[in-house]
Amino acid sequence: MDHLIDAQSAELDRDRRLQRVWEIQRKLEADVARPMLGWRNEYFTRWPHVRNLLPHNSLYNYGRMQEVWLDK
């Protein structure tokens, strides 16, 4: 899929690019792909021995973990 997306991004001809987009669309529908459309704190899970890891409103917001520790 990554190759198809890169190929359609590089395509200069409008009609050929549209054909590639439709091909990507068909493959995604055939694979029943489910992209993540939202993120909620209620979906956050963790092990009970992980301490001080607080959920945020973003899936990509866990780069800094200097306050997280393991109680094991």
PDB file of N, CA and C in Angstrom:
ATOM      1  N   MET A   1       0.819  -1.184   0.000  1.00  0.00           N
ATOM      2  CA  MET A   1       0.000   0.000   0.000  1.00  0.00           C
ATOM      3  C   MET A   1       0.869   1.256   0.000  1.00  0.00           C
ATOM      4  N   ASP A   2       1.950   1.232   0.765  1.00  0.00           N
ATOM      5  CA  ASP A   2       2.847   2.398   0.783  1.00  0.00           C
ATOM      6  C   ASP A   2       3.395   2.684  -0.610  1.00  0.00           C
ATOM      7  N   HIS A   3       3.742   1.625  -1.342  1.00  0.00           N
ATOM      8  CA  HIS A   3       4.261   1.796  -2.699  1.00  0.00           C
ATOM      9  C   HIS A   3       3.198   2.433  -3.597  1.00  0.00           C
ATOM     10  N   LEU A   4       1.957   1.990  -3.485  1.00  0.00           N
ATOM     11  CA  LEU A   4       0.889   2.560  -4.309  1.00  0.00           C
ATOM     12  C   LEU A   4       0.655   4.034  -3.977  1.00  0.00           C
ATOM     13  N   ILE A   5       0.691   4.371  -2.704  1.00  0.00           N
ATOM     14  CA  ILE A   5       0.487   5.763  -2.313  1.00  0.00           C
ATOM     15  C   ILE A   5       1.632   6.638  -2.802  1.00  0.00           C
ATOM     16  N   ASP A   6       2.855   6.132  -2.687  1.00  0.00           N
ATOM     17  CA  ASP A   6       4.007   6.893  -3.201  1.00  0.00           C
ATOM     18  C   ASP A   6       3.923   7.060  -4.713  1.00  0.00           C
ATOM     19  N   ALA A   7       3.489   6.011  -5.412  1.00  0.00           N
ATOM     20  CA  ALA A   7       3.392   6.070  -6.876  1.00  0.00           C
ATOM     21  C   ALA A   7       2.345   7.095  -7.315  1.00  0.00           C
ATOM     22  N   GLN A   8       1.202   7.123  -6.639  1.00  0.00           N
ATOM     23  CA  GLN A   8       0.181   8.096  -7.037  1.00  0.00           C
ATOM     24  C   GLN A   8       0.613   9.509  -6.685  1.00  0.00           C
ATOM     25  N   SER A   9       1.395   9.666  -5.632  1.00  0.00           N
ATOM     26  CA  SER A   9       1.884  11.001  -5.277  1.00  0.00           C
ATOM     27  C   SER A   9       2.884  11.522  -6.298  1.00  0.00           C
ATOM     28  N   ALA A  10       3.632  10.616  -6.915  1.00  0.00           N
ATOM     29  CA  ALA A  10       4.646  11.011  -7.888  1.00  0.00           C
ATOM     30  C   ALA A  10       4.081  11.160  -9.295  1.00  0.00           C
ATOM     31  N   GLU A  11       2.871  10.690  -9.517  1.00  0.00           N
ATOM     32  CA  GLU A  11       2.272  10.724 -10.860  1.00  0.00           C
ATOM     33  C   GLU A  11       1.909  12.158 -11.248  1.00  0.00           C
ATOM     34  N   LEU A  12       2.349  12.582 -12.429  1.00  0.00           N
ATOM     35  CA  LEU A  12       2.074  13.935 -12.907  1.00  0.00           C
ATOM     36  C   LEU A  12       0.821  14.013 -13.764  1.00  0.00           C
ATOM     37  N   ASP A  13       0.509  12.932 -14.466  1.00  0.00           N
ATOM     38  CA  ASP A  13      -0.680  12.916 -15.317  1.00  0.00           C
ATOM     39  C   ASP A  13      -1.931  12.801 -14.436  1.00  0.00           C
ATOM     40  N   ARG A  14      -2.856  13.735 -14.589  1.00  0.00           N
ATOM     41  CA  ARG A  14      -4.034  13.790 -13.722  1.00  0.00           C
ATOM     42  C   ARG A  14      -4.897  12.538 -13.830  1.00  0.00           C
ATOM     43  N   ASP A  15      -5.140  12.069 -15.044  1.00  0.00           N
ATOM     44  CA  ASP A  15      -6.003  10.904 -15.230  1.00  0.00           C
ATOM     45  C   ASP A  15      -5.362   9.636 -14.680  1.00  0.00           C
ATOM     46  N   ARG A  16      -4.068   9.463 -14.907  1.00  0.00           N
ATOM     47  CA  ARG A  16      -3.380   8.283 -14.366  1.00  0.00           C
ATOM     48  C   ARG A  16      -3.318   8.333 -12.838  1.00  0.00           C
ATOM     49  N   ARG A  17      -3.150   9.525 -12.303  1.00  0.00           N
ATOM     50  CA  ARG A  17      -3.136   9.665 -10.845  1.00  0.00           C
ATOM     51  C   ARG A  17      -4.502   9.298 -10.262  1.00  0.00           C
ATOM     52  N   LEU A  18      -5.559   9.743 -10.898  1.00  0.00           N
ATOM     53  CA  LEU A  18      -6.903   9.398 -10.450  1.00  0.00           C
ATOM     54  C   LEU A  18      -7.140   7.893 -10.513  1.00  0.00           C
ATOM     55  N   GLN A  19      -6.636   7.248 -11.559  1.00  0.00           N
ATOM     56  CA  GLN A  19      -6.754   5.788 -11.661  1.00  0.00           C
ATOM     57  C   GLN A  19      -6.036   5.108 -10.498  1.00  0.00           C
ATOM     58  N   ARG A  20      -4.864   5.603 -10.144  1.00  0.00           N
ATOM     59  CA  ARG A  20      -4.117   5.025  -9.010  1.00  0.00           C
ATOM     60  C   ARG A  20      -4.863   5.238  -7.690  1.00  0.00           C
ATOM     61  N   VAL A  21      -5.471   6.410  -7.533  1.00  0.00           N
ATOM     62  CA  VAL A  21      -6.254   6.675  -6.326  1.00  0.00           C
ATOM     63  C   VAL A  21      -7.419   5.705  -6.226  1.00  0.00           C
ATOM     64  N   TRP A  22      -8.091   5.460  -7.338  1.00  0.00           N
ATOM     65  CA  TRP A  22      -9.198   4.504  -7.332  1.00  0.00           C
ATOM     66  C   TRP A  22      -8.714   3.086  -7.028  1.00  0.00           C
ATOM     67  N   GLU A  23      -7.531   2.731  -7.538  1.00  0.00           N
ATOM     68  CA  GLU A  23      -6.959   1.417  -7.235  1.00  0.00           C
ATOM     69  C   GLU A  23      -6.688   1.282  -5.729  1.00  0.00           C
ATOM     70  N   ILE A  24      -6.139   2.321  -5.142  1.00  0.00           N
ATOM     71  CA  ILE A  24      -5.894   2.320  -3.689  1.00  0.00           C
ATOM     72  C   ILE A  24      -7.218   2.190  -2.944  1.00  0.00           C
ATOM     73  N   GLN A  25      -8.224   2.932  -3.382  1.00  0.00           N
ATOM     74  CA  GLN A  25      -9.537   2.880  -2.751  1.00  0.00           C
ATOM     75  C   GLN A  25     -10.127   1.472  -2.813  1.00  0.00           C
ATOM     76  N   ARG A  26     -10.033   0.824  -3.975  1.00  0.00           N
ATOM     77  CA  ARG A  26     -10.561  -0.543  -4.123  1.00  0.00           C
ATOM     78  C   ARG A  26      -9.845  -1.517  -3.204  1.00  0.00           C
ATOM     79  N   LYS A  27      -8.524  -1.402  -3.111  1.00  0.00           N
ATOM     80  CA  LYS A  27      -7.758  -2.311  -2.249  1.00  0.00           C
ATOM     81  C   LYS A  27      -8.108  -2.106  -0.779  1.00  0.00           C
ATOM     82  N   LEU A  28      -8.242  -0.854  -0.365  1.00  0.00           N
ATOM     83  CA  LEU A  28      -8.619  -0.579   1.016  1.00  0.00           C
ATOM     84  C   LEU A  28     -10.004  -1.122   1.339  1.00  0.00           C
ATOM     85  N   GLU A  29     -10.929  -0.974   0.414  1.00  0.00           N
ATOM     86  CA  GLU A  29     -12.275  -1.497   0.640  1.00  0.00           C
ATOM     87  C   GLU A  29     -12.285  -3.019   0.650  1.00  0.00           C
ATOM     88  N   ALA A  30     -11.480  -3.646  -0.211  1.00  0.00           N
ATOM     89  CA  ALA A  30     -11.421  -5.105  -0.253  1.00  0.00           C
ATOM     90  C   ALA A  30     -10.789  -5.682   1.008  1.00  0.00           C
ATOM     91  N   ASP A  31      -9.818  -4.967   1.571  1.00  0.00           N
ATOM     92  CA  ASP A  31      -9.157  -5.429   2.793  1.00  0.00           C
ATOM     93  C   ASP A  31      -9.926  -5.045   4.052  1.00  0.00           C
ATOM     94  N   VAL A  32     -11.030  -4.327   3.894  1.00  0.00           N
ATOM     95  CA  VAL A  32     -11.827  -3.822   5.004  1.00  0.00           C
ATOM     96  C   VAL A  32     -10.923  -3.061   5.972  1.00  0.00           C
ATOM     97  N   ALA A  33     -10.117  -2.164   5.423  1.00  0.00           N
ATOM     98  CA  ALA A  33      -9.202  -1.358   6.233  1.00  0.00           C
ATOM     99  C   ALA A  33     -10.002  -0.392   7.091  1.00  0.00           C
ATOM    100  N   ARG A  34      -9.555  -0.241   8.323  1.00  0.00           N
ATOM    101  CA  ARG A  34     -10.234   0.653   9.250  1.00  0.00           C
ATOM    102  C   ARG A  34      -9.235   1.669   9.797  1.00  0.00           C
ATOM    103  N   PRO A  35      -9.129   2.821   9.170  1.00  0.00           N
ATOM    104  CA  PRO A  35      -8.199   3.824   9.686  1.00  0.00           C
ATOM    105  C   PRO A  35      -8.682   4.389  11.012  1.00  0.00           C
ATOM    106  N   MET A  36      -7.749   4.805  11.846  1.00  0.00           N
ATOM    107  CA  MET A  36      -8.102   5.414  13.124  1.00  0.00           C
ATOM    108  C   MET A  36      -8.610   6.824  12.866  1.00  0.00           C
ATOM    109  N   LEU A  37      -9.824   7.084  13.264  1.00  0.00           N
ATOM    110  CA  LEU A  37     -10.422   8.389  13.039  1.00  0.00           C
ATOM    111  C   LEU A  37     -10.482   9.223  14.308  1.00  0.00           C
ATOM    112  N   GLY A  38     -10.216   8.596  15.425  1.00  0.00           N
ATOM    113  CA  GLY A  38     -10.270   9.334  16.672  1.00  0.00           C
ATOM    114  C   GLY A  38      -9.511   8.602  17.758  1.00  0.00           C
ATOM    115  N   TRP A  39      -9.277   9.303  18.853  1.00  0.00           N
ATOM    116  CA  TRP A  39      -8.549   8.726  19.983  1.00  0.00           C
ATOM    117  C   TRP A  39      -9.206   9.258  21.243  1.00  0.00           C
ATOM    118  N   ARG A  40      -9.518   8.341  22.144  1.00  0.00           N
ATOM    119  CA  ARG A  40     -10.153   8.744  23.398  1.00  0.00           C
ATOM    120  C   ARG A  40      -9.375   8.171  24.571  1.00  0.00           C
ATOM    121  N   ASN A  41      -9.389   8.876  25.663  1.00  0.00           N
ATOM    122  CA  ASN A  41      -8.700   8.397  26.861  1.00  0.00           C
ATOM    123  C   ASN A  41      -9.297   7.107  27.398  1.00  0.00           C
ATOM    124  N   GLU A  42     -10.564   6.854  27.140  1.00  0.00           N
ATOM    125  CA  GLU A  42     -11.198   5.640  27.632  1.00  0.00           C
ATOM    126  C   GLU A  42     -10.625   4.383  26.971  1.00  0.00           C
ATOM    127  N   TYR A  43      -9.984   4.535  25.832  1.00  0.00           N
ATOM    128  CA  TYR A  43      -9.412   3.394  25.118  1.00  0.00           C
ATOM    129  C   TYR A  43      -7.995   3.081  25.586  1.00  0.00           C
ATOM    130  N   PHE A  44      -7.485   3.849  26.514  1.00  0.00           N
ATOM    131  CA  PHE A  44      -6.110   3.711  26.969  1.00  0.00           C
ATOM    132  C   PHE A  44      -6.011   2.578  27.993  1.00  0.00           C
ATOM    133  N   THR A  45      -5.098   1.639  27.764  1.00  0.00           N
ATOM    134  CA  THR A  45      -4.872   0.545  28.720  1.00  0.00           C
ATOM    135  C   THR A  45      -3.390   0.491  29.056  1.00  0.00           C
ATOM    136  N   ARG A  46      -3.088  -0.100  30.226  1.00  0.00           N
ATOM    137  CA  ARG A  46      -1.697  -0.249  30.623  1.00  0.00           C
ATOM    138  C   ARG A  46      -1.606  -1.330  31.693  1.00  0.00           C
ATOM    139  N   TRP A  47      -0.413  -1.790  31.956  1.00  0.00           N
ATOM    140  CA  TRP A  47      -0.184  -2.774  32.997  1.00  0.00           C
ATOM    141  C   TRP A  47      -0.286  -2.104  34.358  1.00  0.00           C
ATOM    142  N   PRO A  48      -0.727  -2.843  35.377  1.00  0.00           N
ATOM    143  CA  PRO A  48      -0.875  -2.224  36.693  1.00  0.00           C
ATOM    144  C   PRO A  48       0.451  -1.837  37.344  1.00  0.00           C
ATOM    145  N   HIS A  49       1.566  -2.416  36.913  1.00  0.00           N
ATOM    146  CA  HIS A  49       2.858  -2.067  37.516  1.00  0.00           C
ATOM    147  C   HIS A  49       3.521  -0.863  36.854  1.00  0.00           C
ATOM    148  N   VAL A  50       2.900  -0.281  35.830  1.00  0.00           N
ATOM    149  CA  VAL A  50       3.416   0.945  35.215  1.00  0.00           C
ATOM    150  C   VAL A  50       2.808   2.127  35.960  1.00  0.00           C
ATOM    151  N   ARG A  51       3.651   2.939  36.552  1.00  0.00           N
ATOM    152  CA  ARG A  51       3.184   4.045  37.394  1.00  0.00           C
ATOM    153  C   ARG A  51       3.476   5.402  36.743  1.00  0.00           C
ATOM    154  N   ASN A  52       2.568   6.325  36.987  1.00  0.00           N
ATOM    155  CA  ASN A  52       2.715   7.716  36.581  1.00  0.00           C
ATOM    156  C   ASN A  52       2.679   7.916  35.061  1.00  0.00           C
ATOM    157  N   LEU A  53       2.032   7.023  34.360  1.00  0.00           N
ATOM    158  CA  LEU A  53       1.816   7.180  32.915  1.00  0.00           C
ATOM    159  C   LEU A  53       0.386   7.661  32.727  1.00  0.00           C
ATOM    160  N   LEU A  54       0.224   8.914  32.377  1.00  0.00           N
ATOM    161  CA  LEU A  54      -1.095   9.522  32.278  1.00  0.00           C
ATOM    162  C   LEU A  54      -1.531   9.597  30.820  1.00  0.00           C
ATOM    163  N   PRO A  55      -2.763   9.195  30.531  1.00  0.00           N
ATOM    164  CA  PRO A  55      -3.234   9.282  29.149  1.00  0.00           C
ATOM    165  C   PRO A  55      -3.424  10.727  28.710  1.00  0.00           C
ATOM    166  N   HIS A  56      -3.166  10.974  27.439  1.00  0.00           N
ATOM    167  CA  HIS A  56      -3.352  12.299  26.844  1.00  0.00           C
ATOM    168  C   HIS A  56      -4.387  12.181  25.739  1.00  0.00           C
ATOM    169  N   ASN A  57      -4.750  13.278  25.161  1.00  0.00           N
ATOM    170  CA  ASN A  57      -5.741  13.278  24.097  1.00  0.00           C
ATOM    171  C   ASN A  57      -5.158  12.985  22.729  1.00  0.00           C
ATOM    172  N   SER A  58      -3.917  12.593  22.670  1.00  0.00           N
ATOM    173  CA  SER A  58      -3.278  12.311  21.387  1.00  0.00           C
ATOM    174  C   SER A  58      -2.551  10.982  21.450  1.00  0.00           C
ATOM    175  N   LEU A  59      -2.672  10.213  20.395  1.00  0.00           N
ATOM    176  CA  LEU A  59      -1.971   8.936  20.306  1.00  0.00           C
ATOM    177  C   LEU A  59      -0.464   9.140  20.210  1.00  0.00           C
ATOM    178  N   TYR A  60      -0.015  10.274  19.690  1.00  0.00           N
ATOM    179  CA  TYR A  60       1.388  10.508  19.407  1.00  0.00           C
ATOM    180  C   TYR A  60       2.075  11.376  20.453  1.00  0.00           C
ATOM    181  N   ASN A  61       1.533  11.472  21.642  1.00  0.00           N
ATOM    182  CA  ASN A  61       2.033  12.418  22.622  1.00  0.00           C
ATOM    183  C   ASN A  61       2.767  11.733  23.776  1.00  0.00           C
ATOM    184  N   TYR A  62       3.465  10.652  23.530  1.00  0.00           N
ATOM    185  CA  TYR A  62       4.131   9.926  24.595  1.00  0.00           C
ATOM    186  C   TYR A  62       5.640   9.899  24.414  1.00  0.00           C
ATOM    187  N   GLY A  63       6.211  10.957  23.861  1.00  0.00           N
ATOM    188  CA  GLY A  63       7.648  11.003  23.643  1.00  0.00           C
ATOM    189  C   GLY A  63       8.457  11.215  24.916  1.00  0.00           C
ATOM    190  N   ARG A  64       7.890  11.909  25.898  1.00  0.00           N
ATOM    191  CA  ARG A  64       8.605  12.220  27.136  1.00  0.00           C
ATOM    192  C   ARG A  64       8.032  11.376  28.266  1.00  0.00           C
ATOM    193  N   MET A  65       8.848  10.503  28.805  1.00  0.00           N
ATOM    194  CA  MET A  65       8.390   9.613  29.865  1.00  0.00           C
ATOM    195  C   MET A  65       9.332   9.627  31.056  1.00  0.00           C
ATOM    196  N   GLN A  66       9.917  10.770  31.360  1.00  0.00           N
ATOM    197  CA  GLN A  66      10.880  10.823  32.450  1.00  0.00           C
ATOM    198  C   GLN A  66      10.241  10.591  33.812  1.00  0.00           C
ATOM    199  N   GLU A  67       8.933  10.765  33.945  1.00  0.00           N
ATOM    200  CA  GLU A  67       8.245  10.566  35.219  1.00  0.00           C
ATOM    201  C   GLU A  67       7.622   9.173  35.347  1.00  0.00           C
ATOM    202  N   VAL A  68       7.699   8.360  34.314  1.00  0.00           N
ATOM    203  CA  VAL A  68       7.086   7.019  34.338  1.00  0.00           C
ATOM    204  C   VAL A  68       8.078   6.045  34.983  1.00  0.00           C
ATOM    205  N   TRP A  69       7.528   5.126  35.809  1.00  0.00           N
ATOM    206  CA  TRP A  69       8.392   4.134  36.458  1.00  0.00           C
ATOM    207  C   TRP A  69       7.633   2.825  36.632  1.00  0.00           C
ATOM    208  N   LEU A  70       8.386   1.732  36.806  1.00  0.00           N
ATOM    209  CA  LEU A  70       7.828   0.399  36.993  1.00  0.00           C
ATOM    210  C   LEU A  70       7.855   0.022  38.458  1.00  0.00           C
ATOM    211  N   ASP A  71       6.743  -0.453  38.948  1.00  0.00           N
ATOM    212  CA  ASP A  71       6.625  -0.880  40.339  1.00  0.00           C
ATOM    213  C   ASP A  71       6.763  -2.399  40.402  1.00  0.00           C
ATOM    214  N   LYS A  72       7.949  -2.877  40.052  1.00  0.00           N
ATOM    215  CA  LYS A  72       8.222  -4.319  40.047  1.00  0.00           C
ATOM    216  C   LYS A  72       9.589  -4.585  40.582  1.00  0.00           C
TER     217      LYS A  72
END
